[in-house]
Amino acid sequence: MSEVRNVIVIGSGPAGLTAAIYSARANLKPLVIEGLEAGGQLMLTTLVENFPGFREGIDGPDLMGAMREQAQRFGAEIVRGNVTSVDLASQPIVIKTSEGEFRTRTLIIATGASARLLGLPSERTLMGHGVSTCATCDGYFFRGKPIAVIGGGDSAMEEANFLTRFASHVTVVHRRDTLRASKIMQDKAFANPKISFEWNTEVEEIKDTGKGEVTGMVLTNSLTGERKEIAVDGVFVAIGHTPNTSLFRNQIETDANGYIVTHAGSRTSVPGVFACGDVQDHVYRQAITAAGSGCMAAIDAEKYLEGTPQHLGESTHIATLG
């Protein structure tokens, strides 16, 4: 029978690793299960310029590597592996991976959300090299350049309007002839002189993988079959995100879109289970807000453990450690 852990963190992005840092400093000896996408979405990002403390910016993988080493320095155990099942109803909570079984008194869910992509080989190759899923993160890099936004919902219109602060022009590519966005978001986009629309249009290819940077897109009109190429320096895919919550389906409260519902900090509908980062945040989706919520989850888990008689080890109060 495996030992019962005080804290297990599922996920190793900014939220999960921050939760690990704080709970490790509190002597809770957390175990982090990295998951398939170790490091989270920042592993697909080249330069992160908006994370505090890095005046010249830092590459996404370097930032995640530093967070990982910091968590290990304070005693967090990090294991590779993909979680195959979680039983939130059991006490202690049982987590199974391809490598074995783990048990824990508290669980911090930091499994993130995955951006929906078009599925083009060129899209994956150029991710972080002109292709992005976050206007707030990367819009600054496209000052004075033409770019495209793919999508027709509220997030696409919000990103298109935001990007006109930097880009010389924004082309919205939408596969239908009407937008799904709310009327107020549509009106803003239609009224913006720097935004134009390509209707009933699919992206066939993003160029140029040979150069390692975006130089344009090949578009196809789904009604006429007409193909054309437009020159852009950046492509923002804004067709939504999918929270990585399939492991917890029917075990925990989620909203209509599948995001875990949290209250009073990071607490979920299941006692002893906490959620942080993009798995419960569909509004901000930033590395810094994810890290902040990871801190909250660690503090909430520590407070929960203080009220349970099974708590092993003497905890140093996280809140006093800064």
C-alpha atoms as a PDB file:
ATOM      1  CA  MET A   1       0.000   0.000   0.000  1.00  0.00           C
ATOM      2  CA  SER A   2       1.432   3.382  -1.005  1.00  0.00           C
ATOM      3  CA  GLU A   3       2.034   6.042   1.625  1.00  0.00           C
ATOM      4  CA  VAL A   4      -0.596   8.701   2.117  1.00  0.00           C
ATOM      5  CA  ARG A   5       0.684  12.075   0.963  1.00  0.00           C
ATOM      6  CA  ASN A   6      -0.313  15.389   2.449  1.00  0.00           C
ATOM      7  CA  VAL A   7      -0.525  17.142  -0.933  1.00  0.00           C
ATOM      8  CA  ILE A   8      -0.514  15.938  -4.508  1.00  0.00           C
ATOM      9  CA  VAL A   9      -0.489  18.450  -7.357  1.00  0.00           C
ATOM     10  CA  ILE A  10      -1.646  17.342 -10.801  1.00  0.00           C
ATOM     11  CA  GLY A  11      -0.103  19.629 -13.394  1.00  0.00           C
ATOM     12  CA  SER A  12       3.235  21.380 -13.782  1.00  0.00           C
ATOM     13  CA  GLY A  13       2.482  24.763 -15.334  1.00  0.00           C
ATOM     14  CA  PRO A  14       2.835  28.053 -13.431  1.00  0.00           C
ATOM     15  CA  ALA A  15      -0.126  27.212 -11.176  1.00  0.00           C
ATOM     16  CA  GLY A  16       0.973  23.703 -10.282  1.00  0.00           C
ATOM     17  CA  LEU A  17       4.631  24.552  -9.693  1.00  0.00           C
ATOM     18  CA  THR A  18       3.787  27.617  -7.592  1.00  0.00           C
ATOM     19  CA  ALA A  19       1.473  25.441  -5.483  1.00  0.00           C
ATOM     20  CA  ALA A  20       4.366  23.005  -5.127  1.00  0.00           C
ATOM     21  CA  ILE A  21       6.811  25.749  -4.085  1.00  0.00           C
ATOM     22  CA  TYR A  22       4.511  27.089  -1.387  1.00  0.00           C
ATOM     23  CA  SER A  23       3.412  23.729  -0.029  1.00  0.00           C
ATOM     24  CA  ALA A  24       7.004  22.446  -0.033  1.00  0.00           C
ATOM     25  CA  ARG A  25       8.140  25.480   1.955  1.00  0.00           C
ATOM     26  CA  ALA A  26       5.387  24.641   4.429  1.00  0.00           C
ATOM     27  CA  ASN A  27       6.986  21.203   4.932  1.00  0.00           C
ATOM     28  CA  LEU A  28       4.018  19.416   3.355  1.00  0.00           C
ATOM     29  CA  LYS A  29       6.312  17.384   1.069  1.00  0.00           C
ATOM     30  CA  PRO A  30       4.112  17.693  -2.024  1.00  0.00           C
ATOM     31  CA  LEU A  31       4.194  15.298  -4.943  1.00  0.00           C
ATOM     32  CA  VAL A  32       3.784  16.846  -8.396  1.00  0.00           C
ATOM     33  CA  ILE A  33       2.560  14.658 -11.250  1.00  0.00           C
ATOM     34  CA  GLU A  34       3.684  16.490 -14.366  1.00  0.00           C
ATOM     35  CA  GLY A  35       1.232  15.089 -16.882  1.00  0.00           C
ATOM     36  CA  LEU A  36       1.639  14.750 -20.644  1.00  0.00           C
ATOM     37  CA  GLU A  37       2.286  18.462 -21.252  1.00  0.00           C
ATOM     38  CA  ALA A  38       4.972  19.071 -18.641  1.00  0.00           C
ATOM     39  CA  GLY A  39       5.379  22.790 -18.031  1.00  0.00           C
ATOM     40  CA  GLY A  40       2.011  23.722 -19.517  1.00  0.00           C
ATOM     41  CA  GLN A  41       1.344  26.125 -22.372  1.00  0.00           C
ATOM     42  CA  LEU A  42       4.427  28.241 -21.634  1.00  0.00           C
ATOM     43  CA  MET A  43       6.521  25.435 -23.094  1.00  0.00           C
ATOM     44  CA  LEU A  44       5.175  26.558 -26.490  1.00  0.00           C
ATOM     45  CA  THR A  45       6.115  30.203 -25.907  1.00  0.00           C
ATOM     46  CA  THR A  46       9.407  31.689 -27.015  1.00  0.00           C
ATOM     47  CA  LEU A  47       9.727  34.992 -25.154  1.00  0.00           C
ATOM     48  CA  VAL A  48       7.688  35.907 -22.063  1.00  0.00           C
ATOM     49  CA  GLU A  49       7.980  39.652 -21.489  1.00  0.00           C
ATOM     50  CA  ASN A  50       5.168  40.234 -18.991  1.00  0.00           C
ATOM     51  CA  PHE A  51       6.177  37.989 -16.093  1.00  0.00           C
ATOM     52  CA  PRO A  52       7.398  40.273 -13.278  1.00  0.00           C
ATOM     53  CA  GLY A  53      11.075  40.188 -12.429  1.00  0.00           C
ATOM     54  CA  PHE A  54      12.470  39.588 -15.912  1.00  0.00           C
ATOM     55  CA  ARG A  55      13.234  43.008 -17.346  1.00  0.00           C
ATOM     56  CA  GLU A  56      14.538  41.627 -20.638  1.00  0.00           C
ATOM     57  CA  GLY A  57      11.994  38.822 -20.808  1.00  0.00           C
ATOM     58  CA  ILE A  58      12.584  35.084 -20.493  1.00  0.00           C
ATOM     59  CA  ASP A  59      11.898  32.121 -22.745  1.00  0.00           C
ATOM     60  CA  GLY A  60       8.842  30.134 -21.639  1.00  0.00           C
ATOM     61  CA  PRO A  61      10.704  26.820 -21.213  1.00  0.00           C
ATOM     62  CA  ASP A  62      13.446  28.579 -19.216  1.00  0.00           C
ATOM     63  CA  LEU A  63      10.868  30.118 -16.883  1.00  0.00           C
ATOM     64  CA  MET A  64       9.193  26.764 -16.299  1.00  0.00           C
ATOM     65  CA  GLY A  65      12.542  25.085 -15.771  1.00  0.00           C
ATOM     66  CA  ALA A  66      13.452  27.650 -13.103  1.00  0.00           C
ATOM     67  CA  MET A  67      10.095  27.139 -11.356  1.00  0.00           C
ATOM     68  CA  ARG A  68      10.586  23.373 -11.443  1.00  0.00           C
ATOM     69  CA  GLU A  69      14.060  23.600  -9.907  1.00  0.00           C
ATOM     70  CA  GLN A  70      12.806  26.015  -7.252  1.00  0.00           C
ATOM     71  CA  ALA A  71      10.043  23.591  -6.224  1.00  0.00           C
ATOM     72  CA  GLN A  72      12.552  20.729  -6.010  1.00  0.00           C
ATOM     73  CA  ARG A  73      14.938  22.873  -3.987  1.00  0.00           C
ATOM     74  CA  PHE A  74      12.313  23.146  -1.247  1.00  0.00           C
ATOM     75  CA  GLY A  75      11.618  19.418  -1.265  1.00  0.00           C
ATOM     76  CA  ALA A  76       8.828  18.910  -3.780  1.00  0.00           C
ATOM     77  CA  GLU A  77       8.952  15.524  -5.478  1.00  0.00           C
ATOM     78  CA  ILE A  78       8.191  15.691  -9.193  1.00  0.00           C
ATOM     79  CA  VAL A  79       7.316  12.590 -11.184  1.00  0.00           C
ATOM     80  CA  ARG A  80       6.638  12.162 -14.857  1.00  0.00           C
ATOM     81  CA  GLY A  81       3.522  10.332 -15.851  1.00  0.00           C
ATOM     82  CA  ASN A  82      -0.005  10.709 -17.070  1.00  0.00           C
ATOM     83  CA  VAL A  83      -2.882  10.423 -14.614  1.00  0.00           C
ATOM     84  CA  THR A  84      -5.360   7.801 -15.837  1.00  0.00           C
ATOM     85  CA  SER A  85      -8.001   8.064 -13.098  1.00  0.00           C
ATOM     86  CA  VAL A  86      -8.841   9.966  -9.923  1.00  0.00           C
ATOM     87  CA  ASP A  87     -11.310   8.892  -7.227  1.00  0.00           C
ATOM     88  CA  LEU A  88     -12.348  12.041  -5.388  1.00  0.00           C
ATOM     89  CA  ALA A  89     -14.926  10.195  -3.281  1.00  0.00           C
ATOM     90  CA  SER A  90     -12.376   7.984  -1.547  1.00  0.00           C
ATOM     91  CA  GLN A  91     -10.601   8.942   1.661  1.00  0.00           C
ATOM     92  CA  PRO A  92      -7.752   9.370   1.121  1.00  0.00           C
ATOM     93  CA  ILE A  93      -8.100  10.437  -2.513  1.00  0.00           C
ATOM     94  CA  VAL A  94      -6.743   7.796  -4.922  1.00  0.00           C
ATOM     95  CA  ILE A  95      -4.842   8.813  -8.050  1.00  0.00           C
ATOM     96  CA  LYS A  96      -3.740   6.261 -10.626  1.00  0.00           C
ATOM     97  CA  THR A  97      -1.120   6.799 -13.297  1.00  0.00           C
ATOM     98  CA  SER A  98       0.482   4.589 -15.882  1.00  0.00           C
ATOM     99  CA  GLU A  99       3.313   4.095 -13.369  1.00  0.00           C
ATOM    100  CA  GLY A 100       1.336   3.255 -10.253  1.00  0.00           C
ATOM    101  CA  GLU A 101      -1.107   4.443  -7.595  1.00  0.00           C
ATOM    102  CA  PHE A 102      -0.873   7.397  -5.203  1.00  0.00           C
ATOM    103  CA  ARG A 103      -2.985   8.403  -2.206  1.00  0.00           C
ATOM    104  CA  THR A 104      -3.351  11.880  -0.722  1.00  0.00           C
ATOM    105  CA  ARG A 105      -5.218  13.845   1.919  1.00  0.00           C
ATOM    106  CA  THR A 106      -5.486  16.917  -0.300  1.00  0.00           C
ATOM    107  CA  LEU A 107      -5.392  17.340  -4.048  1.00  0.00           C
ATOM    108  CA  ILE A 108      -4.505  20.472  -6.005  1.00  0.00           C
ATOM    109  CA  ILE A 109      -5.830  20.345  -9.567  1.00  0.00           C
ATOM    110  CA  ALA A 110      -3.686  22.419 -11.919  1.00  0.00           C
ATOM    111  CA  THR A 111      -4.323  20.595 -15.176  1.00  0.00           C
ATOM    112  CA  GLY A 112      -4.845  23.794 -17.184  1.00  0.00           C
ATOM    113  CA  ALA A 113      -6.781  24.299 -20.386  1.00  0.00           C
ATOM    114  CA  SER A 114      -5.766  23.500 -23.932  1.00  0.00           C
ATOM    115  CA  ALA A 115      -6.259  26.011 -26.707  1.00  0.00           C
ATOM    116  CA  ARG A 116      -8.318  24.610 -29.564  1.00  0.00           C
ATOM    117  CA  LEU A 117      -6.236  24.600 -32.700  1.00  0.00           C
ATOM    118  CA  LEU A 118      -6.974  24.358 -36.400  1.00  0.00           C
ATOM    119  CA  GLY A 119      -5.086  21.101 -36.734  1.00  0.00           C
ATOM    120  CA  LEU A 120      -2.655  22.259 -39.412  1.00  0.00           C
ATOM    121  CA  PRO A 121       0.914  20.910 -39.360  1.00  0.00           C
ATOM    122  CA  SER A 122       2.215  24.422 -40.103  1.00  0.00           C
ATOM    123  CA  GLU A 123       0.256  25.786 -37.138  1.00  0.00           C
ATOM    124  CA  ARG A 124       2.039  23.504 -34.668  1.00  0.00           C
ATOM    125  CA  THR A 125       5.448  24.079 -36.266  1.00  0.00           C
ATOM    126  CA  LEU A 126       5.105  27.874 -36.107  1.00  0.00           C
ATOM    127  CA  MET A 127       3.547  28.025 -32.628  1.00  0.00           C
ATOM    128  CA  GLY A 128       5.547  30.628 -30.725  1.00  0.00           C
ATOM    129  CA  HIS A 129       7.146  31.798 -33.967  1.00  0.00           C
ATOM    130  CA  GLY A 130       4.309  33.962 -35.259  1.00  0.00           C
ATOM    131  CA  VAL A 131       1.384  31.713 -34.345  1.00  0.00           C
ATOM    132  CA  SER A 132      -0.171  32.416 -30.956  1.00  0.00           C
ATOM    133  CA  THR A 133      -3.256  31.645 -28.901  1.00  0.00           C
ATOM    134  CA  CYS A 134      -2.913  34.663 -26.588  1.00  0.00           C
ATOM    135  CA  ALA A 135      -3.198  38.258 -27.785  1.00  0.00           C
ATOM    136  CA  THR A 136      -2.464  39.672 -24.329  1.00  0.00           C
ATOM    137  CA  CYS A 137       0.749  37.661 -24.185  1.00  0.00           C
ATOM    138  CA  ASP A 138       2.072  38.246 -27.679  1.00  0.00           C
ATOM    139  CA  GLY A 139       0.351  41.252 -29.273  1.00  0.00           C
ATOM    140  CA  TYR A 140       3.224  43.546 -28.328  1.00  0.00           C
ATOM    141  CA  PHE A 141       5.556  41.680 -30.701  1.00  0.00           C
ATOM    142  CA  PHE A 142       3.522  42.718 -33.749  1.00  0.00           C
ATOM    143  CA  ARG A 143       3.754  46.484 -33.575  1.00  0.00           C
ATOM    144  CA  GLY A 144       3.122  47.987 -37.019  1.00  0.00           C
ATOM    145  CA  LYS A 145       2.649  44.582 -38.665  1.00  0.00           C
ATOM    146  CA  PRO A 146      -0.366  42.978 -40.396  1.00  0.00           C
ATOM    147  CA  ILE A 147      -1.834  40.029 -38.519  1.00  0.00           C
ATOM    148  CA  ALA A 148      -4.842  37.696 -38.651  1.00  0.00           C
ATOM    149  CA  VAL A 149      -7.276  36.422 -36.030  1.00  0.00           C
ATOM    150  CA  ILE A 150      -9.036  33.109 -36.618  1.00  0.00           C
ATOM    151  CA  GLY A 151     -12.496  32.759 -35.091  1.00  0.00           C
ATOM    152  CA  GLY A 152     -15.896  34.383 -34.761  1.00  0.00           C
ATOM    153  CA  GLY A 153     -16.811  34.330 -31.081  1.00  0.00           C
ATOM    154  CA  ASP A 154     -16.464  36.863 -28.276  1.00  0.00           C
ATOM    155  CA  SER A 155     -12.841  35.901 -27.579  1.00  0.00           C
ATOM    156  CA  ALA A 156     -11.916  36.347 -31.247  1.00  0.00           C
ATOM    157  CA  MET A 157     -13.521  39.792 -31.440  1.00  0.00           C
ATOM    158  CA  GLU A 158     -11.975  40.815 -28.138  1.00  0.00           C
ATOM    159  CA  GLU A 159      -8.540  39.754 -29.359  1.00  0.00           C
ATOM    160  CA  ALA A 160      -9.005  41.442 -32.749  1.00  0.00           C
ATOM    161  CA  ASN A 161      -9.923  44.755 -31.124  1.00  0.00           C
ATOM    162  CA  PHE A 162      -7.071  44.477 -28.626  1.00  0.00           C
ATOM    163  CA  LEU A 163      -4.540  43.692 -31.351  1.00  0.00           C
ATOM    164  CA  THR A 164      -5.384  46.845 -33.313  1.00  0.00           C
ATOM    165  CA  ARG A 165      -3.452  48.714 -30.604  1.00  0.00           C
ATOM    166  CA  PHE A 166      -0.295  47.209 -32.072  1.00  0.00           C
ATOM    167  CA  ALA A 167      -0.922  45.836 -35.574  1.00  0.00           C
ATOM    168  CA  SER A 168      -1.088  47.871 -38.754  1.00  0.00           C
ATOM    169  CA  HIS A 169      -4.158  45.829 -39.741  1.00  0.00           C
ATOM    170  CA  VAL A 170      -6.113  42.848 -38.415  1.00  0.00           C
ATOM    171  CA  THR A 171      -7.853  40.400 -40.743  1.00  0.00           C
ATOM    172  CA  VAL A 172     -10.511  38.259 -39.074  1.00  0.00           C
ATOM    173  CA  VAL A 173     -10.919  34.882 -40.796  1.00  0.00           C
ATOM    174  CA  HIS A 174     -14.245  33.168 -40.077  1.00  0.00           C
ATOM    175  CA  ARG A 175     -15.641  29.983 -41.541  1.00  0.00           C
ATOM    176  CA  ARG A 176     -19.225  31.262 -41.523  1.00  0.00           C
ATOM    177  CA  ASP A 177     -20.936  34.380 -42.873  1.00  0.00           C
ATOM    178  CA  THR A 178     -22.075  35.624 -39.466  1.00  0.00           C
ATOM    179  CA  LEU A 179     -20.274  35.981 -36.142  1.00  0.00           C
ATOM    180  CA  ARG A 180     -21.155  34.049 -33.000  1.00  0.00           C
ATOM    181  CA  ALA A 181     -19.941  36.926 -30.853  1.00  0.00           C
ATOM    182  CA  SER A 182     -22.352  39.026 -28.797  1.00  0.00           C
ATOM    183  CA  LYS A 183     -23.788  42.077 -30.523  1.00  0.00           C
ATOM    184  CA  ILE A 184     -21.729  44.524 -28.491  1.00  0.00           C
ATOM    185  CA  MET A 185     -18.503  42.729 -29.453  1.00  0.00           C
ATOM    186  CA  GLN A 186     -19.573  42.553 -33.088  1.00  0.00           C
ATOM    187  CA  ASP A 187     -20.389  46.253 -33.163  1.00  0.00           C
ATOM    188  CA  LYS A 188     -16.967  47.138 -31.763  1.00  0.00           C
ATOM    189  CA  ALA A 189     -15.207  45.033 -34.362  1.00  0.00           C
ATOM    190  CA  PHE A 190     -17.287  46.298 -37.292  1.00  0.00           C
ATOM    191  CA  ALA A 191     -16.684  49.898 -36.206  1.00  0.00           C
ATOM    192  CA  ASN A 192     -12.912  49.462 -35.985  1.00  0.00           C
ATOM    193  CA  PRO A 193     -11.292  50.769 -39.193  1.00  0.00           C
ATOM    194  CA  LYS A 194      -8.250  48.527 -38.699  1.00  0.00           C
ATOM    195  CA  ILE A 195     -10.289  45.296 -38.844  1.00  0.00           C
ATOM    196  CA  SER A 196     -11.481  43.574 -42.025  1.00  0.00           C
ATOM    197  CA  PHE A 197     -13.221  40.213 -42.477  1.00  0.00           C
ATOM    198  CA  GLU A 198     -12.786  37.147 -44.643  1.00  0.00           C
ATOM    199  CA  TRP A 199     -16.165  35.366 -44.557  1.00  0.00           C
ATOM    200  CA  ASN A 200     -16.929  31.688 -45.284  1.00  0.00           C
ATOM    201  CA  THR A 201     -13.205  31.116 -45.255  1.00  0.00           C
ATOM    202  CA  GLU A 202     -10.958  28.316 -43.995  1.00  0.00           C
ATOM    203  CA  VAL A 203      -7.225  28.477 -43.381  1.00  0.00           C
ATOM    204  CA  GLU A 204      -5.509  25.976 -45.652  1.00  0.00           C
ATOM    205  CA  GLU A 205      -1.933  26.700 -44.665  1.00  0.00           C
ATOM    206  CA  ILE A 206       0.146  29.095 -42.573  1.00  0.00           C
ATOM    207  CA  LYS A 207       3.404  30.104 -44.256  1.00  0.00           C
ATOM    208  CA  ASP A 208       6.403  29.838 -43.944  1.00  0.00           C
ATOM    209  CA  THR A 209       7.681  26.837 -42.001  1.00  0.00           C
ATOM    210  CA  GLY A 210      10.861  26.861 -44.098  1.00  0.00           C
ATOM    211  CA  LYS A 211      11.804  30.282 -42.743  1.00  0.00           C
ATOM    212  CA  GLY A 212      10.613  29.473 -39.222  1.00  0.00           C
ATOM    213  CA  GLU A 213       8.360  32.528 -39.136  1.00  0.00           C
ATOM    214  CA  VAL A 214       4.897  33.538 -40.319  1.00  0.00           C
ATOM    215  CA  THR A 215       4.868  35.311 -43.679  1.00  0.00           C
ATOM    216  CA  GLY A 216       1.301  34.700 -44.818  1.00  0.00           C
ATOM    217  CA  MET A 217      -1.707  32.405 -45.027  1.00  0.00           C
ATOM    218  CA  VAL A 218      -3.378  30.435 -47.785  1.00  0.00           C
ATOM    219  CA  LEU A 219      -7.169  30.805 -47.515  1.00  0.00           C
ATOM    220  CA  THR A 220      -9.984  28.908 -49.205  1.00  0.00           C
ATOM    221  CA  ASN A 221     -13.533  30.218 -49.638  1.00  0.00           C
ATOM    222  CA  SER A 222     -15.856  27.369 -48.690  1.00  0.00           C
ATOM    223  CA  LEU A 223     -18.625  28.592 -51.029  1.00  0.00           C
ATOM    224  CA  THR A 224     -16.677  29.370 -54.191  1.00  0.00           C
ATOM    225  CA  GLY A 225     -13.580  27.238 -53.695  1.00  0.00           C
ATOM    226  CA  GLU A 226     -11.428  30.266 -54.442  1.00  0.00           C
ATOM    227  CA  ARG A 227      -7.914  30.100 -52.982  1.00  0.00           C
ATOM    228  CA  LYS A 228      -5.851  33.148 -52.177  1.00  0.00           C
ATOM    229  CA  GLU A 229      -2.823  34.106 -50.154  1.00  0.00           C
ATOM    230  CA  ILE A 230      -2.638  37.072 -47.819  1.00  0.00           C
ATOM    231  CA  ALA A 231       0.510  38.480 -46.257  1.00  0.00           C
ATOM    232  CA  VAL A 232       0.534  38.554 -42.443  1.00  0.00           C
ATOM    233  CA  ASP A 233       3.306  38.459 -39.865  1.00  0.00           C
ATOM    234  CA  GLY A 234       1.249  36.850 -37.125  1.00  0.00           C
ATOM    235  CA  VAL A 235      -1.717  34.503 -36.735  1.00  0.00           C
ATOM    236  CA  PHE A 236      -3.794  34.431 -33.549  1.00  0.00           C
ATOM    237  CA  VAL A 237      -5.991  31.349 -33.200  1.00  0.00           C
ATOM    238  CA  ALA A 238      -9.040  32.292 -31.129  1.00  0.00           C
ATOM    239  CA  ILE A 239     -11.471  29.406 -31.455  1.00  0.00           C
ATOM    240  CA  GLY A 240     -11.694  28.698 -27.748  1.00  0.00           C
ATOM    241  CA  HIS A 241     -10.093  26.657 -24.989  1.00  0.00           C
ATOM    242  CA  THR A 242     -10.973  23.269 -23.522  1.00  0.00           C
ATOM    243  CA  PRO A 243     -10.353  22.858 -19.768  1.00  0.00           C
ATOM    244  CA  ASN A 244      -8.521  19.635 -18.968  1.00  0.00           C
ATOM    245  CA  THR A 245     -11.166  18.260 -16.614  1.00  0.00           C
ATOM    246  CA  SER A 246     -12.136  14.925 -18.168  1.00  0.00           C
ATOM    247  CA  LEU A 247     -10.488  13.088 -15.249  1.00  0.00           C
ATOM    248  CA  PHE A 248     -12.911  14.689 -12.826  1.00  0.00           C
ATOM    249  CA  ARG A 249     -16.143  14.471 -14.827  1.00  0.00           C
ATOM    250  CA  ASN A 250     -19.206  13.842 -12.643  1.00  0.00           C
ATOM    251  CA  GLN A 251     -17.045  14.064  -9.510  1.00  0.00           C
ATOM    252  CA  ILE A 252     -16.698  17.829  -9.056  1.00  0.00           C
ATOM    253  CA  GLU A 253     -18.739  20.919  -9.854  1.00  0.00           C
ATOM    254  CA  THR A 254     -17.933  22.529 -13.191  1.00  0.00           C
ATOM    255  CA  ASP A 255     -19.553  25.336 -15.141  1.00  0.00           C
ATOM    256  CA  ALA A 256     -21.343  24.961 -18.472  1.00  0.00           C
ATOM    257  CA  ASN A 257     -18.011  25.002 -20.340  1.00  0.00           C
ATOM    258  CA  GLY A 258     -16.316  22.419 -18.125  1.00  0.00           C
ATOM    259  CA  TYR A 259     -14.190  24.751 -15.979  1.00  0.00           C
ATOM    260  CA  ILE A 260     -13.936  23.763 -12.314  1.00  0.00           C
ATOM    261  CA  VAL A 261     -15.980  26.064 -10.073  1.00  0.00           C
ATOM    262  CA  THR A 262     -14.032  27.467  -7.127  1.00  0.00           C
ATOM    263  CA  HIS A 263     -15.217  29.478  -4.128  1.00  0.00           C
ATOM    264  CA  ALA A 264     -13.660  31.104  -1.066  1.00  0.00           C
ATOM    265  CA  GLY A 265     -10.300  31.073  -2.767  1.00  0.00           C
ATOM    266  CA  SER A 266      -9.411  27.838  -4.520  1.00  0.00           C
ATOM    267  CA  ARG A 267     -11.877  25.500  -2.796  1.00  0.00           C
ATOM    268  CA  THR A 268     -13.992  23.221  -4.958  1.00  0.00           C
ATOM    269  CA  SER A 269     -17.224  21.339  -4.303  1.00  0.00           C
ATOM    270  CA  VAL A 270     -15.177  18.431  -2.892  1.00  0.00           C
ATOM    271  CA  PRO A 271     -13.591  18.910   0.568  1.00  0.00           C
ATOM    272  CA  GLY A 272      -9.809  18.696   0.403  1.00  0.00           C
ATOM    273  CA  VAL A 273      -9.722  19.318  -3.346  1.00  0.00           C
ATOM    274  CA  PHE A 274      -8.477  22.660  -4.661  1.00  0.00           C
ATOM    275  CA  ALA A 275      -8.136  24.033  -8.177  1.00  0.00           C
ATOM    276  CA  CYS A 276      -5.885  26.721  -9.624  1.00  0.00           C
ATOM    277  CA  GLY A 277      -4.799  28.127 -12.950  1.00  0.00           C
ATOM    278  CA  ASP A 278      -6.526  27.862 -16.295  1.00  0.00           C
ATOM    279  CA  VAL A 279      -8.528  24.782 -15.287  1.00  0.00           C
ATOM    280  CA  GLN A 280     -10.728  27.163 -13.282  1.00  0.00           C
ATOM    281  CA  ASP A 281      -9.969  30.503 -14.939  1.00  0.00           C
ATOM    282  CA  HIS A 282     -11.448  31.227 -18.362  1.00  0.00           C
ATOM    283  CA  VAL A 283     -11.114  35.018 -18.021  1.00  0.00           C
ATOM    284  CA  TYR A 284      -7.482  36.002 -17.425  1.00  0.00           C
ATOM    285  CA  ARG A 285      -5.449  32.969 -18.533  1.00  0.00           C
ATOM    286  CA  GLN A 286      -2.074  34.543 -17.722  1.00  0.00           C
ATOM    287  CA  ALA A 287       1.032  32.942 -16.247  1.00  0.00           C
ATOM    288  CA  ILE A 288       1.073  35.450 -13.396  1.00  0.00           C
ATOM    289  CA  THR A 289      -2.591  34.925 -12.435  1.00  0.00           C
ATOM    290  CA  ALA A 290      -2.115  31.164 -12.660  1.00  0.00           C
ATOM    291  CA  ALA A 291       0.890  31.410 -10.343  1.00  0.00           C
ATOM    292  CA  GLY A 292      -1.085  33.570  -7.912  1.00  0.00           C
ATOM    293  CA  SER A 293      -3.918  31.070  -7.785  1.00  0.00           C
ATOM    294  CA  GLY A 294      -1.386  28.282  -7.219  1.00  0.00           C
ATOM    295  CA  CYS A 295      -0.195  30.140  -4.143  1.00  0.00           C
ATOM    296  CA  MET A 296      -3.818  30.409  -2.973  1.00  0.00           C
ATOM    297  CA  ALA A 297      -4.379  26.679  -3.471  1.00  0.00           C
ATOM    298  CA  ALA A 298      -1.325  25.775  -1.401  1.00  0.00           C
ATOM    299  CA  ILE A 299      -2.407  28.054   1.444  1.00  0.00           C
ATOM    300  CA  ASP A 300      -5.963  26.683   1.309  1.00  0.00           C
ATOM    301  CA  ALA A 301      -4.666  23.094   1.334  1.00  0.00           C
ATOM    302  CA  GLU A 302      -2.468  23.830   4.337  1.00  0.00           C
ATOM    303  CA  LYS A 303      -5.385  25.346   6.247  1.00  0.00           C
ATOM    304  CA  TYR A 304      -7.511  22.318   5.407  1.00  0.00           C
ATOM    305  CA  LEU A 305      -4.816  19.942   6.662  1.00  0.00           C
ATOM    306  CA  GLU A 306      -4.492  21.877   9.908  1.00  0.00           C
ATOM    307  CA  GLY A 307      -8.098  20.951  10.635  1.00  0.00           C
ATOM    308  CA  THR A 308      -7.654  17.221   9.988  1.00  0.00           C
ATOM    309  CA  PRO A 309      -6.246  14.886  12.662  1.00  0.00           C
ATOM    310  CA  GLN A 310      -4.413  12.705  10.097  1.00  0.00           C
ATOM    311  CA  HIS A 311      -2.095  15.539   9.052  1.00  0.00           C
ATOM    312  CA  LEU A 312       1.490  14.257   9.083  1.00  0.00           C
ATOM    313  CA  GLY A 313       4.506  16.438   9.684  1.00  0.00           C
ATOM    314  CA  GLU A 314       4.738  19.864  11.244  1.00  0.00           C
ATOM    315  CA  SER A 315       3.706  22.578   8.825  1.00  0.00           C
ATOM    316  CA  THR A 316       5.317  25.959   8.603  1.00  0.00           C
ATOM    317  CA  HIS A 317       2.616  28.537   8.006  1.00  0.00           C
ATOM    318  CA  ILE A 318       2.756  29.460   4.330  1.00  0.00           C
ATOM    319  CA  ALA A 319       1.190  32.856   4.759  1.00  0.00           C
ATOM    320  CA  THR A 320       4.155  34.082   6.817  1.00  0.00           C
ATOM    321  CA  LEU A 321       6.722  32.966   4.265  1.00  0.00           C
ATOM    322  CA  GLY A 322       5.844  35.456   1.559  1.00  0.00           C
END
